[in-house]
Amino acid sequence: VATDVFNSKNLAVQAQKKILGKMVSKSIATTLIDDTSSEVLDELYRVTKEYTQNKKEAEKIIKNLIKTVIKLAILYRNNQFNQDELALMEKFKKKVHQLAMTVVSFHQAVMLNPQKNKKKTPYMKS
């Protein structure tokens, strides 16, 4: 016997995720993400665009990152995680922050040192 259990809270969370998934843009993201995170994401976009040499691809990567972070924040705000998932989310948050800071720091170091900028390193696209 199938049971139809209606849960308005779960429905609201699903609706929030779906709506945000469809309307994530820089203007929406800046209202949901603090200034520091926004600046890091802007720099990450510039680095990604430079690396991929493709504006659309860089936008897609950053947009997907923003969507993922916002969806996780919605789930977190609505207490949808158990203790193991909370620990995993904290680990994910630290890894994303570390990755973003590493990429930004690397990019700034390359841009500030024009002599090394002339020679391509093995991990830079030609």
Protein backbone atom coordinates (compact mmCIF):
# COMPACT_ATOMS: atom_id res chain seq x y z
CA VAL A 1 0.00 0.00 0.00
CA ALA A 2 1.55 3.29 -1.11
CA THR A 3 1.32 6.11 1.36
CA ASP A 4 1.03 9.66 0.17
CA VAL A 5 2.70 11.77 2.81
CA PHE A 6 2.54 15.48 2.20
CA ASN A 7 5.29 17.54 3.78
CA SER A 8 5.10 21.26 3.06
CA LYS A 9 8.60 21.91 4.42
CA ASN A 10 10.17 19.42 2.00
CA LEU A 11 8.07 20.85 -0.81
CA ALA A 12 9.25 24.38 0.05
CA VAL A 13 12.90 23.28 0.07
CA GLN A 14 12.46 21.57 -3.31
CA ALA A 15 10.78 24.68 -4.71
CA GLN A 16 13.58 26.93 -3.44
CA LYS A 17 16.22 24.68 -4.99
CA LYS A 18 14.36 24.51 -8.30
CA ILE A 19 13.75 28.26 -8.48
CA LEU A 20 17.34 29.10 -7.60
CA GLY A 21 18.60 26.52 -10.07
CA LYS A 22 16.76 28.33 -12.84
CA MET A 23 17.56 31.89 -11.89
CA VAL A 24 21.12 31.88 -10.59
CA SER A 25 22.92 34.80 -12.09
CA LYS A 26 25.53 37.18 -10.83
CA SER A 27 22.89 39.63 -9.57
CA ILE A 28 21.02 36.90 -7.67
CA ALA A 29 24.24 35.43 -6.33
CA THR A 30 25.45 38.76 -4.99
CA THR A 31 22.28 39.10 -2.91
CA LEU A 32 22.84 35.64 -1.43
CA ILE A 33 26.64 35.61 -1.14
CA ASP A 34 28.68 38.00 1.02
CA ASP A 35 31.05 40.59 -0.48
CA THR A 36 34.24 38.66 0.28
CA SER A 37 32.93 35.47 -1.32
CA SER A 38 31.71 37.49 -4.28
CA GLU A 39 35.16 39.02 -4.79
CA VAL A 40 36.79 35.59 -4.61
CA LEU A 41 34.28 34.21 -7.12
CA ASP A 42 34.92 37.17 -9.45
CA GLU A 43 38.65 36.52 -9.30
CA LEU A 44 38.08 32.79 -9.75
CA TYR A 45 36.00 33.61 -12.84
CA ARG A 46 38.82 35.75 -14.28
CA VAL A 47 41.37 33.00 -13.66
CA THR A 48 39.07 30.34 -15.12
CA LYS A 49 38.35 32.48 -18.17
CA GLU A 50 42.07 33.07 -18.71
CA TYR A 51 42.88 29.38 -18.28
CA THR A 52 40.10 28.02 -20.49
CA GLN A 53 40.32 30.87 -23.01
CA ASN A 54 36.55 30.51 -23.20
CA LYS A 55 34.18 33.02 -21.59
CA LYS A 56 31.13 30.73 -21.82
CA GLU A 57 32.96 27.80 -20.23
CA ALA A 58 34.26 29.99 -17.39
CA GLU A 59 30.77 31.38 -16.78
CA LYS A 60 29.32 27.86 -16.75
CA ILE A 61 31.90 26.63 -14.22
CA ILE A 62 31.35 29.56 -11.85
CA LYS A 63 27.57 29.40 -12.27
CA ASN A 64 27.57 25.69 -11.38
CA LEU A 65 29.77 26.35 -8.36
CA ILE A 66 27.43 29.13 -7.19
CA LYS A 67 24.35 26.96 -7.73
CA THR A 68 25.90 24.12 -5.75
CA VAL A 69 26.89 26.37 -2.86
CA ILE A 70 23.47 28.07 -2.76
CA LYS A 71 21.61 24.75 -2.86
CA LEU A 72 23.77 23.43 -0.03
CA ALA A 73 23.08 26.62 1.95
CA ILE A 74 19.33 26.19 1.46
CA LEU A 75 19.49 22.58 2.63
CA TYR A 76 21.64 23.62 5.61
CA ARG A 77 19.29 26.47 6.53
CA ASN A 78 16.36 24.07 6.48
CA ASN A 79 18.15 21.51 8.70
CA GLN A 80 18.18 18.83 6.01
CA PHE A 81 21.58 17.34 6.96
CA ASN A 82 22.37 14.67 9.52
CA GLN A 83 25.60 14.83 11.57
CA ASP A 84 27.67 12.91 9.01
CA GLU A 85 26.43 15.15 6.20
CA LEU A 86 27.17 18.26 8.27
CA ALA A 87 30.74 17.08 8.76
CA LEU A 88 31.04 16.32 5.05
CA MET A 89 29.62 19.74 4.17
CA GLU A 90 32.10 21.46 6.47
CA LYS A 91 34.92 19.54 4.77
CA PHE A 92 33.55 20.53 1.34
CA LYS A 93 33.33 24.17 2.41
CA LYS A 94 36.96 24.17 3.55
CA LYS A 95 38.12 22.48 0.34
CA VAL A 96 36.25 24.95 -1.89
CA HIS A 97 37.65 27.87 0.10
CA GLN A 98 41.17 26.42 -0.05
CA LEU A 99 40.87 25.80 -3.80
CA ALA A 100 39.59 29.30 -4.48
CA MET A 101 42.31 30.94 -2.39
CA THR A 102 45.02 28.80 -4.01
CA VAL A 103 43.86 29.65 -7.51
CA VAL A 104 43.57 33.35 -6.72
CA SER A 105 46.98 33.44 -5.00
CA PHE A 106 48.61 31.60 -7.89
CA HIS A 107 47.02 33.95 -10.41
CA GLN A 108 48.11 37.03 -8.47
CA ALA A 109 51.67 35.70 -8.17
CA VAL A 110 51.84 35.05 -11.92
CA MET A 111 50.42 38.49 -12.73
CA LEU A 112 52.80 40.27 -10.33
CA ASN A 113 55.90 38.58 -11.74
CA PRO A 114 56.10 39.54 -15.43
CA GLN A 115 59.47 37.78 -15.96
CA LYS A 116 58.03 34.38 -15.08
CA ASN A 117 54.89 35.30 -17.00
CA LYS A 118 56.83 35.04 -20.29
CA LYS A 119 57.65 31.37 -19.77
CA LYS A 120 54.69 28.98 -19.72
CA THR A 121 54.68 26.48 -16.89
CA PRO A 122 53.60 22.85 -17.47
CA TYR A 123 50.26 23.41 -15.73
CA MET A 124 49.33 26.48 -17.77
CA LYS A 125 47.48 26.11 -21.05
CA SER A 126 49.37 27.19 -24.15
